[in-house]
PDB file of all heavy atoms in Angstrom:
ATOM      1  N   ALA A   1     -13.093  42.408  70.618  1.00  0.00           N
ATOM      2  CA  ALA A   1     -11.705  42.529  70.171  1.00  0.00           C
ATOM      3  C   ALA A   1     -11.542  41.958  68.769  1.00  0.00           C
ATOM      4  O   ALA A   1     -12.323  41.103  68.331  1.00  0.00           O
ATOM      5  CB  ALA A   1     -10.791  41.801  71.136  1.00  0.00           C
ATOM      6  N   ASN A   2     -10.483  42.412  68.097  1.00  0.00           N
ATOM      7  CA  ASN A   2     -10.150  41.829  66.806  1.00  0.00           C
ATOM      8  C   ASN A   2      -8.723  41.277  66.780  1.00  0.00           C
ATOM      9  O   ASN A   2      -8.317  40.685  65.796  1.00  0.00           O
ATOM     10  CB  ASN A   2     -10.357  42.837  65.658  1.00  0.00           C
ATOM     11  CG  ASN A   2      -9.502  44.075  65.807  1.00  0.00           C
ATOM     12  OD1 ASN A   2      -8.480  44.065  66.465  1.00  0.00           O
ATOM     13  ND2 ASN A   2      -9.927  45.155  65.196  1.00  0.00           N
ATOM     14  N   THR A   3      -7.997  41.484  67.880  1.00  0.00           N
ATOM     15  CA  THR A   3      -6.609  41.011  67.973  1.00  0.00           C
ATOM     16  C   THR A   3      -6.323  40.531  69.390  1.00  0.00           C
ATOM     17  O   THR A   3      -6.760  41.163  70.355  1.00  0.00           O
ATOM     18  CB  THR A   3      -5.628  42.154  67.636  1.00  0.00           C
ATOM     19  OG1 THR A   3      -5.921  42.650  66.320  1.00  0.00           O
ATOM     20  CG2 THR A   3      -4.176  41.693  67.668  1.00  0.00           C
ATOM     21  N   ALA A   4      -5.587  39.429  69.488  1.00  0.00           N
ATOM     22  CA  ALA A   4      -5.103  38.954  70.777  1.00  0.00           C
ATOM     23  C   ALA A   4      -3.584  39.001  70.750  1.00  0.00           C
ATOM     24  O   ALA A   4      -2.958  38.591  69.772  1.00  0.00           O
ATOM     25  CB  ALA A   4      -5.573  37.519  71.034  1.00  0.00           C
ATOM     26  N   LEU A   5      -2.980  39.520  71.805  1.00  0.00           N
ATOM     27  CA  LEU A   5      -1.532  39.588  71.961  1.00  0.00           C
ATOM     28  C   LEU A   5      -1.098  38.625  73.045  1.00  0.00           C
ATOM     29  O   LEU A   5      -1.800  38.458  74.043  1.00  0.00           O
ATOM     30  CB  LEU A   5      -1.080  40.994  72.371  1.00  0.00           C
ATOM     31  CG  LEU A   5      -1.307  42.130  71.428  1.00  0.00           C
ATOM     32  CD1 LEU A   5      -0.791  43.426  72.058  1.00  0.00           C
ATOM     33  CD2 LEU A   5      -0.633  41.884  70.085  1.00  0.00           C
ATOM     34  N   ALA A   6       0.073  38.043  72.853  1.00  0.00           N
ATOM     35  CA  ALA A   6       0.610  37.154  73.870  1.00  0.00           C
ATOM     36  C   ALA A   6       2.133  37.200  73.841  1.00  0.00           C
ATOM     37  O   ALA A   6       2.733  37.303  72.781  1.00  0.00           O
ATOM     38  CB  ALA A   6       0.126  35.730  73.639  1.00  0.00           C
ATOM     39  N   LEU A   7       2.732  37.085  75.018  1.00  0.00           N
ATOM     40  CA  LEU A   7       4.171  36.919  75.147  1.00  0.00           C
ATOM     41  C   LEU A   7       4.378  35.460  75.536  1.00  0.00           C
ATOM     42  O   LEU A   7       3.994  35.055  76.642  1.00  0.00           O
ATOM     43  CB  LEU A   7       4.759  37.841  76.210  1.00  0.00           C
ATOM     44  CG  LEU A   7       6.221  37.599  76.569  1.00  0.00           C
ATOM     45  CD1 LEU A   7       7.125  37.851  75.376  1.00  0.00           C
ATOM     46  CD2 LEU A   7       6.631  38.437  77.761  1.00  0.00           C
ATOM     47  N   MET A   8       4.940  34.688  74.607  1.00  0.00           N
ATOM     48  CA  MET A   8       5.129  33.257  74.863  1.00  0.00           C
ATOM     49  C   MET A   8       6.387  32.777  74.169  1.00  0.00           C
ATOM     50  O   MET A   8       6.923  33.455  73.311  1.00  0.00           O
ATOM     51  CB  MET A   8       3.914  32.481  74.346  1.00  0.00           C
ATOM     52  CG  MET A   8       2.660  32.762  75.138  1.00  0.00           C
ATOM     53  SD  MET A   8       1.340  31.611  74.766  1.00  0.00           S
ATOM     54  CE  MET A   8       0.894  32.101  73.137  1.00  0.00           C
ATOM     55  N   PRO A   9       6.814  31.570  74.527  1.00  0.00           N
ATOM     56  CA  PRO A   9       7.950  30.999  73.807  1.00  0.00           C
ATOM     57  C   PRO A   9       7.658  30.915  72.309  1.00  0.00           C
ATOM     58  O   PRO A   9       6.531  30.578  71.910  1.00  0.00           O
ATOM     59  CB  PRO A   9       8.093  29.591  74.419  1.00  0.00           C
ATOM     60  CG  PRO A   9       7.496  29.725  75.791  1.00  0.00           C
ATOM     61  CD  PRO A   9       6.365  30.705  75.615  1.00  0.00           C
ATOM     62  N   ARG A  10       8.656  31.209  71.510  1.00  0.00           N
ATOM     63  CA  ARG A  10       8.464  31.180  70.063  1.00  0.00           C
ATOM     64  C   ARG A  10       8.060  29.805  69.565  1.00  0.00           C
ATOM     65  O   ARG A  10       7.372  29.694  68.561  1.00  0.00           O
ATOM     66  CB  ARG A  10       9.749  31.634  69.365  1.00  0.00           C
ATOM     67  CG  ARG A  10      10.044  33.111  69.618  1.00  0.00           C
ATOM     68  CD  ARG A  10      11.260  33.581  68.889  1.00  0.00           C
ATOM     69  NE  ARG A  10      10.879  33.827  67.492  1.00  0.00           N
ATOM     70  CZ  ARG A  10      11.727  33.774  66.480  1.00  0.00           C
ATOM     71  NH1 ARG A  10      12.982  33.468  66.690  1.00  0.00           N
ATOM     72  NH2 ARG A  10      11.319  34.019  65.257  1.00  0.00           N
ATOM     73  N   SER A  11       8.460  28.762  70.249  1.00  0.00           N
ATOM     74  CA  SER A  11       8.110  27.396  69.832  1.00  0.00           C
ATOM     75  C   SER A  11       6.597  27.199  69.831  1.00  0.00           C
ATOM     76  O   SER A  11       6.068  26.448  68.998  1.00  0.00           O
ATOM     77  CB  SER A  11       8.773  26.356  70.724  1.00  0.00           C
ATOM     78  OG  SER A  11       8.369  26.534  72.072  1.00  0.00           O
ATOM     79  N   ILE A  12       5.888  27.862  70.735  1.00  0.00           N
ATOM     80  CA  ILE A  12       4.422  27.744  70.777  1.00  0.00           C
ATOM     81  C   ILE A  12       3.797  28.412  69.555  1.00  0.00           C
ATOM     82  O   ILE A  12       2.860  27.894  68.970  1.00  0.00           O
ATOM     83  CB  ILE A  12       3.867  28.321  72.091  1.00  0.00           C
ATOM     84  CG1 ILE A  12       4.321  27.432  73.266  1.00  0.00           C
ATOM     85  CG2 ILE A  12       2.336  28.419  72.028  1.00  0.00           C
ATOM     86  CD1 ILE A  12       3.929  27.933  74.618  1.00  0.00           C
ATOM     87  N   TYR A  13       4.367  29.535  69.119  1.00  0.00           N
ATOM     88  CA  TYR A  13       3.843  30.181  67.918  1.00  0.00           C
ATOM     89  C   TYR A  13       4.023  29.290  66.698  1.00  0.00           C
ATOM     90  O   TYR A  13       3.176  29.247  65.809  1.00  0.00           O
ATOM     91  CB  TYR A  13       4.500  31.542  67.687  1.00  0.00           C
ATOM     92  CG  TYR A  13       4.151  32.558  68.756  1.00  0.00           C
ATOM     93  CD1 TYR A  13       5.115  33.350  69.320  1.00  0.00           C
ATOM     94  CD2 TYR A  13       2.843  32.701  69.194  1.00  0.00           C
ATOM     95  CE1 TYR A  13       4.802  34.282  70.312  1.00  0.00           C
ATOM     96  CE2 TYR A  13       2.520  33.633  70.174  1.00  0.00           C
ATOM     97  CZ  TYR A  13       3.507  34.408  70.721  1.00  0.00           C
ATOM     98  OH  TYR A  13       3.171  35.328  71.676  1.00  0.00           O
ATOM     99  N   ARG A  14       5.121  28.558  66.649  1.00  0.00           N
ATOM    100  CA  ARG A  14       5.317  27.621  65.527  1.00  0.00           C
ATOM    101  C   ARG A  14       4.242  26.538  65.555  1.00  0.00           C
ATOM    102  O   ARG A  14       3.726  26.138  64.511  1.00  0.00           O
ATOM    103  CB  ARG A  14       6.727  27.014  65.573  1.00  0.00           C
ATOM    104  CG  ARG A  14       7.794  28.017  65.151  1.00  0.00           C
ATOM    105  CD  ARG A  14       9.147  27.350  64.954  1.00  0.00           C
ATOM    106  NE  ARG A  14       9.770  26.914  66.207  1.00  0.00           N
ATOM    107  CZ  ARG A  14      10.523  27.693  66.976  1.00  0.00           C
ATOM    108  NH1 ARG A  14      10.739  28.950  66.665  1.00  0.00           N
ATOM    109  NH2 ARG A  14      11.069  27.201  68.068  1.00  0.00           N
ATOM    110  N   ILE A  15       3.883  26.085  66.741  1.00  0.00           N
ATOM    111  CA  ILE A  15       2.797  25.090  66.873  1.00  0.00           C
ATOM    112  C   ILE A  15       1.480  25.707  66.393  1.00  0.00           C
ATOM    113  O   ILE A  15       0.732  25.069  65.651  1.00  0.00           O
ATOM    114  CB  ILE A  15       2.668  24.604  68.341  1.00  0.00           C
ATOM    115  CG1 ILE A  15       3.902  23.774  68.717  1.00  0.00           C
ATOM    116  CG2 ILE A  15       1.388  23.801  68.531  1.00  0.00           C
ATOM    117  CD1 ILE A  15       4.003  23.456  70.203  1.00  0.00           C
ATOM    118  N   PHE A  16       1.194  26.957  66.809  1.00  0.00           N
ATOM    119  CA  PHE A  16      -0.029  27.623  66.371  1.00  0.00           C
ATOM    120  C   PHE A  16      -0.112  27.668  64.840  1.00  0.00           C
ATOM    121  O   PHE A  16      -1.139  27.361  64.249  1.00  0.00           O
ATOM    122  CB  PHE A  16      -0.115  29.040  66.914  1.00  0.00           C
ATOM    123  CG  PHE A  16      -0.405  29.151  68.380  1.00  0.00           C
ATOM    124  CD1 PHE A  16      -0.445  30.398  68.971  1.00  0.00           C
ATOM    125  CD2 PHE A  16      -0.616  28.046  69.176  1.00  0.00           C
ATOM    126  CE1 PHE A  16      -0.716  30.537  70.316  1.00  0.00           C
ATOM    127  CE2 PHE A  16      -0.869  28.173  70.534  1.00  0.00           C
ATOM    128  CZ  PHE A  16      -0.915  29.427  71.105  1.00  0.00           C
ATOM    129  N   ARG A  17       1.008  28.059  64.228  1.00  0.00           N
ATOM    130  CA  ARG A  17       1.014  28.149  62.754  1.00  0.00           C
ATOM    131  C   ARG A  17       0.780  26.784  62.130  1.00  0.00           C
ATOM    132  O   ARG A  17       0.066  26.662  61.141  1.00  0.00           O
ATOM    133  CB  ARG A  17       2.342  28.750  62.290  1.00  0.00           C
ATOM    134  CG  ARG A  17       2.472  30.234  62.605  1.00  0.00           C
ATOM    135  CD  ARG A  17       3.761  30.806  62.016  1.00  0.00           C
ATOM    136  NE  ARG A  17       4.005  32.122  62.561  1.00  0.00           N
ATOM    137  CZ  ARG A  17       4.942  32.422  63.472  1.00  0.00           C
ATOM    138  NH1 ARG A  17       5.731  31.485  63.930  1.00  0.00           N
ATOM    139  NH2 ARG A  17       5.068  33.645  63.922  1.00  0.00           N
ATOM    140  N   ARG A  18       1.386  25.768  62.708  1.00  0.00           N
ATOM    141  CA  ARG A  18       1.191  24.399  62.216  1.00  0.00           C
ATOM    142  C   ARG A  18      -0.284  23.980  62.304  1.00  0.00           C
ATOM    143  O   ARG A  18      -0.770  23.214  61.475  1.00  0.00           O
ATOM    144  CB  ARG A  18       2.064  23.442  63.018  1.00  0.00           C
ATOM    145  CG  ARG A  18       2.041  22.048  62.531  1.00  0.00           C
ATOM    146  CD  ARG A  18       3.065  21.208  63.232  1.00  0.00           C
ATOM    147  NE  ARG A  18       2.622  19.835  63.229  1.00  0.00           N
ATOM    148  CZ  ARG A  18       3.021  18.928  64.050  1.00  0.00           C
ATOM    149  NH1 ARG A  18       3.902  19.222  64.975  1.00  0.00           N
ATOM    150  NH2 ARG A  18       2.581  17.714  63.987  1.00  0.00           N
ATOM    151  N   LEU A  19      -0.984  24.501  63.308  1.00  0.00           N
ATOM    152  CA  LEU A  19      -2.408  24.207  63.484  1.00  0.00           C
ATOM    153  C   LEU A  19      -3.290  25.090  62.615  1.00  0.00           C
ATOM    154  O   LEU A  19      -4.509  24.974  62.654  1.00  0.00           O
ATOM    155  CB  LEU A  19      -2.776  24.357  64.960  1.00  0.00           C
ATOM    156  CG  LEU A  19      -2.161  23.334  65.903  1.00  0.00           C
ATOM    157  CD1 LEU A  19      -2.408  23.745  67.362  1.00  0.00           C
ATOM    158  CD2 LEU A  19      -2.712  21.943  65.644  1.00  0.00           C
ATOM    159  N   GLY A  20      -2.691  26.018  61.867  1.00  0.00           N
ATOM    160  CA  GLY A  20      -3.456  26.866  60.964  1.00  0.00           C
ATOM    161  C   GLY A  20      -3.821  28.233  61.503  1.00  0.00           C
ATOM    162  O   GLY A  20      -4.597  28.957  60.895  1.00  0.00           O
ATOM    163  N   PHE A  21      -3.253  28.615  62.650  1.00  0.00           N
ATOM    164  CA  PHE A  21      -3.520  29.928  63.228  1.00  0.00           C
ATOM    165  C   PHE A  21      -2.404  30.871  62.822  1.00  0.00           C
ATOM    166  O   PHE A  21      -1.223  30.550  62.977  1.00  0.00           O
ATOM    167  CB  PHE A  21      -3.607  29.862  64.755  1.00  0.00           C
ATOM    168  CG  PHE A  21      -4.683  28.958  65.270  1.00  0.00           C
ATOM    169  CD1 PHE A  21      -4.378  27.757  65.870  1.00  0.00           C
ATOM    170  CD2 PHE A  21      -6.025  29.291  65.119  1.00  0.00           C
ATOM    171  CE1 PHE A  21      -5.357  26.911  66.340  1.00  0.00           C
ATOM    172  CE2 PHE A  21      -7.008  28.457  65.582  1.00  0.00           C
ATOM    173  CZ  PHE A  21      -6.681  27.268  66.192  1.00  0.00           C
ATOM    174  N   GLU A  22      -2.767  32.036  62.274  1.00  0.00           N
ATOM    175  CA  GLU A  22      -1.781  33.014  61.844  1.00  0.00           C
ATOM    176  C   GLU A  22      -1.329  33.858  63.037  1.00  0.00           C
ATOM    177  O   GLU A  22      -2.174  34.438  63.722  1.00  0.00           O
ATOM    178  CB  GLU A  22      -2.358  33.914  60.772  1.00  0.00           C
ATOM    179  CG  GLU A  22      -2.662  33.211  59.476  1.00  0.00           C
ATOM    180  CD  GLU A  22      -1.415  32.665  58.803  1.00  0.00           C
ATOM    181  OE1 GLU A  22      -0.368  33.336  58.841  1.00  0.00           O
ATOM    182  OE2 GLU A  22      -1.492  31.559  58.237  1.00  0.00           O
ATOM    183  N   VAL A  23      -0.036  33.879  63.259  1.00  0.00           N
ATOM    184  CA  VAL A  23       0.554  34.683  64.350  1.00  0.00           C
ATOM    185  C   VAL A  23       1.647  35.555  63.745  1.00  0.00           C
ATOM    186  O   VAL A  23       2.538  35.066  63.078  1.00  0.00           O
ATOM    187  CB  VAL A  23       1.150  33.803  65.448  1.00  0.00           C
ATOM    188  CG1 VAL A  23       1.790  34.651  66.529  1.00  0.00           C
ATOM    189  CG2 VAL A  23       0.116  32.868  66.042  1.00  0.00           C
ATOM    190  N   GLU A  24       1.562  36.858  64.019  1.00  0.00           N
ATOM    191  CA  GLU A  24       2.601  37.788  63.575  1.00  0.00           C
ATOM    192  C   GLU A  24       3.430  38.164  64.792  1.00  0.00           C
ATOM    193  O   GLU A  24       2.906  38.673  65.792  1.00  0.00           O
ATOM    194  CB  GLU A  24       1.976  39.050  62.990  1.00  0.00           C
ATOM    195  CG  GLU A  24       2.988  40.098  62.603  1.00  0.00           C
ATOM    196  CD  GLU A  24       2.355  41.416  62.247  1.00  0.00           C
ATOM    197  OE1 GLU A  24       1.111  41.516  62.153  1.00  0.00           O
ATOM    198  OE2 GLU A  24       3.111  42.379  62.050  1.00  0.00           O
ATOM    199  N   GLU A  25       4.732  37.890  64.737  1.00  0.00           N
ATOM    200  CA  GLU A  25       5.599  38.271  65.829  1.00  0.00           C
ATOM    201  C   GLU A  25       5.906  39.749  65.736  1.00  0.00           C
ATOM    202  O   GLU A  25       6.180  40.281  64.668  1.00  0.00           O
ATOM    203  CB  GLU A  25       6.874  37.442  65.818  1.00  0.00           C
ATOM    204  CG  GLU A  25       6.607  35.991  66.187  1.00  0.00           C
ATOM    205  CD  GLU A  25       7.847  35.146  66.274  1.00  0.00           C
ATOM    206  OE1 GLU A  25       8.949  35.687  66.473  1.00  0.00           O
ATOM    207  OE2 GLU A  25       7.714  33.927  66.141  1.00  0.00           O
ATOM    208  N   ILE A  26       5.832  40.425  66.877  1.00  0.00           N
ATOM    209  CA  ILE A  26       6.039  41.863  66.961  1.00  0.00           C
ATOM    210  C   ILE A  26       7.320  42.129  67.741  1.00  0.00           C
ATOM    211  O   ILE A  26       7.501  41.591  68.841  1.00  0.00           O
ATOM    212  CB  ILE A  26       4.845  42.553  67.667  1.00  0.00           C
ATOM    213  CG1 ILE A  26       3.562  42.287  66.886  1.00  0.00           C
ATOM    214  CG2 ILE A  26       5.096  44.052  67.802  1.00  0.00           C
ATOM    215  CD1 ILE A  26       2.320  42.770  67.613  1.00  0.00           C
ATOM    216  N   GLY A  27       8.185  42.957  67.193  1.00  0.00           N
ATOM    217  CA  GLY A  27       9.409  43.300  67.902  1.00  0.00           C
ATOM    218  C   GLY A  27      10.440  42.193  67.835  1.00  0.00           C
ATOM    219  O   GLY A  27      10.297  41.223  67.084  1.00  0.00           O
ATOM    220  N   GLN A  28      11.469  42.356  68.631  1.00  0.00           N
ATOM    221  CA  GLN A  28      12.566  41.408  68.644  1.00  0.00           C
ATOM    222  C   GLN A  28      12.346  40.347  69.735  1.00  0.00           C
ATOM    223  O   GLN A  28      11.930  40.672  70.843  1.00  0.00           O
ATOM    224  CB  GLN A  28      13.882  42.132  68.941  1.00  0.00           C
ATOM    225  CG  GLN A  28      14.295  43.112  67.859  1.00  0.00           C
ATOM    226  CD  GLN A  28      14.566  42.398  66.557  1.00  0.00           C
ATOM    227  OE1 GLN A  28      15.220  41.357  66.525  1.00  0.00           O
ATOM    228  NE2 GLN A  28      14.046  42.951  65.462  1.00  0.00           N
ATOM    229  N   PRO A  29      12.640  39.084  69.427  1.00  0.00           N
ATOM    230  CA  PRO A  29      12.553  38.048  70.454  1.00  0.00           C
ATOM    231  C   PRO A  29      13.585  38.317  71.558  1.00  0.00           C
ATOM    232  O   PRO A  29      14.588  38.993  71.328  1.00  0.00           O
ATOM    233  CB  PRO A  29      12.907  36.766  69.703  1.00  0.00           C
ATOM    234  CG  PRO A  29      12.759  37.087  68.264  1.00  0.00           C
ATOM    235  CD  PRO A  29      13.016  38.552  68.124  1.00  0.00           C
ATOM    236  N   SER A  30      13.306  37.800  72.737  1.00  0.00           N
ATOM    237  CA  SER A  30      14.260  37.911  73.836  1.00  0.00           C
ATOM    238  C   SER A  30      14.220  36.617  74.639  1.00  0.00           C
ATOM    239  O   SER A  30      13.275  35.837  74.540  1.00  0.00           O
ATOM    240  CB  SER A  30      13.945  39.111  74.730  1.00  0.00           C
ATOM    241  OG  SER A  30      12.663  38.970  75.284  1.00  0.00           O
ATOM    242  N   PHE A  31      15.257  36.401  75.428  1.00  0.00           N
ATOM    243  CA  PHE A  31      15.329  35.188  76.233  1.00  0.00           C
ATOM    244  C   PHE A  31      14.831  35.476  77.633  1.00  0.00           C
ATOM    245  O   PHE A  31      15.217  36.464  78.267  1.00  0.00           O
ATOM    246  CB  PHE A  31      16.764  34.670  76.270  1.00  0.00           C
ATOM    247  CG  PHE A  31      17.151  33.970  74.991  1.00  0.00           C
ATOM    248  CD1 PHE A  31      17.674  34.689  73.923  1.00  0.00           C
ATOM    249  CD2 PHE A  31      16.954  32.611  74.849  1.00  0.00           C
ATOM    250  CE1 PHE A  31      18.002  34.068  72.743  1.00  0.00           C
ATOM    251  CE2 PHE A  31      17.275  31.973  73.664  1.00  0.00           C
ATOM    252  CZ  PHE A  31      17.816  32.694  72.605  1.00  0.00           C
ATOM    253  N   ILE A  32      13.966  34.602  78.107  1.00  0.00           N
ATOM    254  CA  ILE A  32      13.448  34.654  79.476  1.00  0.00           C
ATOM    255  C   ILE A  32      13.721  33.287  80.071  1.00  0.00           C
ATOM    256  O   ILE A  32      13.235  32.271  79.558  1.00  0.00           O
ATOM    257  CB  ILE A  32      11.943  34.988  79.505  1.00  0.00           C
ATOM    258  CG1 ILE A  32      11.688  36.350  78.851  1.00  0.00           C
ATOM    259  CG2 ILE A  32      11.432  34.942  80.958  1.00  0.00           C
ATOM    260  CD1 ILE A  32      10.214  36.679  78.676  1.00  0.00           C
ATOM    261  N   ASP A  33      14.522  33.249  81.133  1.00  0.00           N
ATOM    262  CA  ASP A  33      14.908  31.985  81.754  1.00  0.00           C
ATOM    263  C   ASP A  33      15.463  30.993  80.743  1.00  0.00           C
ATOM    264  O   ASP A  33      15.169  29.798  80.768  1.00  0.00           O
ATOM    265  CB  ASP A  33      13.731  31.369  82.519  1.00  0.00           C
ATOM    266  CG  ASP A  33      13.281  32.191  83.698  1.00  0.00           C
ATOM    267  OD1 ASP A  33      14.126  32.911  84.284  1.00  0.00           O
ATOM    268  OD2 ASP A  33      12.085  32.147  84.056  1.00  0.00           O
ATOM    269  N   GLY A  34      16.239  31.518  79.776  1.00  0.00           N
ATOM    270  CA  GLY A  34      16.896  30.659  78.804  1.00  0.00           C
ATOM    271  C   GLY A  34      16.032  30.191  77.646  1.00  0.00           C
ATOM    272  O   GLY A  34      16.472  29.420  76.814  1.00  0.00           O
ATOM    273  N   VAL A  35      14.783  30.663  77.593  1.00  0.00           N
ATOM    274  CA  VAL A  35      13.871  30.267  76.523  1.00  0.00           C
ATOM    275  C   VAL A  35      13.548  31.484  75.668  1.00  0.00           C
ATOM    276  O   VAL A  35      13.203  32.542  76.201  1.00  0.00           O
ATOM    277  CB  VAL A  35      12.559  29.673  77.117  1.00  0.00           C
ATOM    278  CG1 VAL A  35      11.571  29.331  76.010  1.00  0.00           C
ATOM    279  CG2 VAL A  35      12.867  28.460  77.967  1.00  0.00           C
ATOM    280  N   GLU A  36      13.641  31.335  74.349  1.00  0.00           N
ATOM    281  CA  GLU A  36      13.369  32.456  73.460  1.00  0.00           C
ATOM    282  C   GLU A  36      11.870  32.750  73.405  1.00  0.00           C
ATOM    283  O   GLU A  36      11.070  31.874  73.066  1.00  0.00           O
ATOM    284  CB  GLU A  36      13.891  32.153  72.050  1.00  0.00           C
ATOM    285  CG  GLU A  36      13.909  33.362  71.155  1.00  0.00           C
ATOM    286  CD  GLU A  36      14.582  33.080  69.826  1.00  0.00           C
ATOM    287  OE1 GLU A  36      14.519  31.936  69.338  1.00  0.00           O
ATOM    288  OE2 GLU A  36      15.166  34.014  69.295  1.00  0.00           O
ATOM    289  N   HIS A  37      11.508  33.975  73.733  1.00  0.00           N
ATOM    290  CA  HIS A  37      10.127  34.438  73.764  1.00  0.00           C
ATOM    291  C   HIS A  37       9.934  35.565  72.736  1.00  0.00           C
ATOM    292  O   HIS A  37      10.873  36.244  72.392  1.00  0.00           O
ATOM    293  CB  HIS A  37       9.760  35.003  75.130  1.00  0.00           C
ATOM    294  CG  HIS A  37       9.530  33.966  76.170  1.00  0.00           C
ATOM    295  ND1 HIS A  37      10.510  33.147  76.647  1.00  0.00           N
ATOM    296  CD2 HIS A  37       8.403  33.634  76.847  1.00  0.00           C
ATOM    297  CE1 HIS A  37      10.008  32.334  77.558  1.00  0.00           C
ATOM    298  NE2 HIS A  37       8.741  32.614  77.706  1.00  0.00           N
TER     299      HIS A  37
END
């Protein structure tokens, strides 16, 4: 593979970026159980 996809809370992607991992969000965020994903 050359790409990994994940549906997760947006806050985790911010952590990934802070750790130096590039994450591109695809589509519109949505709320799942009150948490933005």
